[in-house]
Amino acid sequence: MLFPNPANDAFSIAFNTPLPAHTAITLMAAVGKEVMKLEPTRAVANATALRFDVSSVPRGMYFVRIMDAQGRSSNMPLVLR
């Protein structure tokens, strides 16, 4: 879950991992270009919540990509205003 959406200067993301694993989080432009790597984290074996400052990123439509150690990814839309 990604909130708030639309966001102004920051957003939070909450996700669940069944096993402890390295998780990479990336902010992607709507056209697929990487804008910035967000704090890669070692997720715990249950709910994890992280907050990110995106105040330096221009307004627009983005995707937040979460990729686990097995290469599985999830993309969530994010609007910055």
C-alpha atoms as a PDB file:
ATOM      1  CA  MET A   1       0.000   0.000   0.000  1.00  0.00           C
ATOM      2  CA  LEU A   2       1.277   3.455  -0.938  1.00  0.00           C
ATOM      3  CA  PHE A   3      -0.045   6.557   0.838  1.00  0.00           C
ATOM      4  CA  PRO A   4      -0.879   9.380   0.546  1.00  0.00           C
ATOM      5  CA  ASN A   5      -1.534   9.305  -3.149  1.00  0.00           C
ATOM      6  CA  PRO A   6      -1.415  11.931  -4.596  1.00  0.00           C
ATOM      7  CA  ALA A   7       1.540  13.035  -2.470  1.00  0.00           C
ATOM      8  CA  ASN A   8       3.270  16.368  -1.997  1.00  0.00           C
ATOM      9  CA  ASP A   9       6.710  16.098  -0.397  1.00  0.00           C
ATOM     10  CA  ALA A  10       6.729  12.573   1.003  1.00  0.00           C
ATOM     11  CA  PHE A  11       4.934   9.251   0.820  1.00  0.00           C
ATOM     12  CA  SER A  12       4.902   6.012   2.763  1.00  0.00           C
ATOM     13  CA  ILE A  13       4.803   2.475   1.523  1.00  0.00           C
ATOM     14  CA  ALA A  14       3.722  -0.573   3.508  1.00  0.00           C
ATOM     15  CA  PHE A  15       4.250  -4.149   2.402  1.00  0.00           C
ATOM     16  CA  ASN A  16       4.445  -7.678   3.723  1.00  0.00           C
ATOM     17  CA  THR A  17       7.209 -10.210   3.187  1.00  0.00           C
ATOM     18  CA  PRO A  18       6.761 -13.855   4.188  1.00  0.00           C
ATOM     19  CA  LEU A  19      10.520 -14.325   4.762  1.00  0.00           C
ATOM     20  CA  PRO A  20      13.308 -11.861   5.571  1.00  0.00           C
ATOM     21  CA  ALA A  21      14.712 -10.660   2.241  1.00  0.00           C
ATOM     22  CA  HIS A  22      16.528  -7.745   0.653  1.00  0.00           C
ATOM     23  CA  THR A  23      14.052  -5.421  -1.042  1.00  0.00           C
ATOM     24  CA  ALA A  24      14.978  -2.708  -3.576  1.00  0.00           C
ATOM     25  CA  ILE A  25      12.611   0.254  -3.960  1.00  0.00           C
ATOM     26  CA  THR A  26      12.923   2.554  -6.989  1.00  0.00           C
ATOM     27  CA  LEU A  27      11.007   5.626  -8.138  1.00  0.00           C
ATOM     28  CA  MET A  28      10.367   5.367 -11.894  1.00  0.00           C
ATOM     29  CA  ALA A  29       9.096   8.024 -14.313  1.00  0.00           C
ATOM     30  CA  ALA A  30       5.896   7.127 -16.162  1.00  0.00           C
ATOM     31  CA  VAL A  31       8.017   6.445 -19.281  1.00  0.00           C
ATOM     32  CA  GLY A  32      10.022   3.773 -17.414  1.00  0.00           C
ATOM     33  CA  LYS A  33      13.199   5.742 -16.627  1.00  0.00           C
ATOM     34  CA  GLU A  34      14.675   5.375 -13.140  1.00  0.00           C
ATOM     35  CA  VAL A  35      14.369   8.666 -11.254  1.00  0.00           C
ATOM     36  CA  MET A  36      15.927   7.648  -7.947  1.00  0.00           C
ATOM     37  CA  LYS A  37      16.700   4.629  -5.820  1.00  0.00           C
ATOM     38  CA  LEU A  38      14.853   4.834  -2.571  1.00  0.00           C
ATOM     39  CA  GLU A  39      16.427   3.409   0.547  1.00  0.00           C
ATOM     40  CA  PRO A  40      17.016  -0.287  -0.150  1.00  0.00           C
ATOM     41  CA  THR A  41      16.042  -2.154   2.945  1.00  0.00           C
ATOM     42  CA  ARG A  42      16.239  -5.536   4.552  1.00  0.00           C
ATOM     43  CA  ALA A  43      12.597  -6.346   5.141  1.00  0.00           C
ATOM     44  CA  VAL A  44      11.481  -8.202   8.220  1.00  0.00           C
ATOM     45  CA  ALA A  45       9.390 -11.352   7.947  1.00  0.00           C
ATOM     46  CA  ASN A  46       6.104  -9.493   8.338  1.00  0.00           C
ATOM     47  CA  ALA A  47       4.748  -5.986   7.780  1.00  0.00           C
ATOM     48  CA  THR A  48       7.253  -3.259   6.874  1.00  0.00           C
ATOM     49  CA  ALA A  49       6.456   0.456   6.510  1.00  0.00           C
ATOM     50  CA  LEU A  50       8.863   3.054   5.082  1.00  0.00           C
ATOM     51  CA  ARG A  51       8.574   6.808   4.467  1.00  0.00           C
ATOM     52  CA  PHE A  52      10.379   8.600   1.613  1.00  0.00           C
ATOM     53  CA  ASP A  53      11.122  12.276   1.003  1.00  0.00           C
ATOM     54  CA  VAL A  54      10.453  13.180  -2.638  1.00  0.00           C
ATOM     55  CA  SER A  55      10.387  16.965  -2.213  1.00  0.00           C
ATOM     56  CA  SER A  56      13.191  17.338  -4.801  1.00  0.00           C
ATOM     57  CA  VAL A  57      11.294  15.388  -7.489  1.00  0.00           C
ATOM     58  CA  PRO A  58       9.247  17.361 -10.063  1.00  0.00           C
ATOM     59  CA  ARG A  59       5.469  17.042 -10.040  1.00  0.00           C
ATOM     60  CA  GLY A  60       4.003  14.353 -12.242  1.00  0.00           C
ATOM     61  CA  MET A  61       3.089  10.686 -12.619  1.00  0.00           C
ATOM     62  CA  TYR A  62       5.519   8.047 -11.337  1.00  0.00           C
ATOM     63  CA  PHE A  63       5.670   4.389 -10.408  1.00  0.00           C
ATOM     64  CA  VAL A  64       7.200   2.972  -7.266  1.00  0.00           C
ATOM     65  CA  ARG A  65       8.830  -0.385  -8.033  1.00  0.00           C
ATOM     66  CA  ILE A  66       9.466  -2.874  -5.246  1.00  0.00           C
ATOM     67  CA  MET A  67      11.756  -5.770  -6.199  1.00  0.00           C
ATOM     68  CA  ASP A  68      12.572  -8.692  -3.927  1.00  0.00           C
ATOM     69  CA  ALA A  69      15.685 -10.864  -3.851  1.00  0.00           C
ATOM     70  CA  GLN A  70      14.078 -13.387  -6.230  1.00  0.00           C
ATOM     71  CA  GLY A  71      13.550 -10.691  -8.884  1.00  0.00           C
ATOM     72  CA  ARG A  72       9.782 -10.439  -8.409  1.00  0.00           C
ATOM     73  CA  SER A  73       8.573  -6.872  -8.759  1.00  0.00           C
ATOM     74  CA  SER A  74       5.484  -4.844  -8.105  1.00  0.00           C
ATOM     75  CA  ASN A  75       4.770  -1.386  -9.549  1.00  0.00           C
ATOM     76  CA  MET A  76       2.444   1.046  -7.829  1.00  0.00           C
ATOM     77  CA  PRO A  77       1.367   4.350  -9.425  1.00  0.00           C
ATOM     78  CA  LEU A  78       2.219   7.557  -7.543  1.00  0.00           C
ATOM     79  CA  VAL A  79       1.121  11.097  -8.383  1.00  0.00           C
ATOM     80  CA  LEU A  80       3.307  13.936  -7.069  1.00  0.00           C
ATOM     81  CA  ARG A  81       1.648  17.328  -6.904  1.00  0.00           C
END
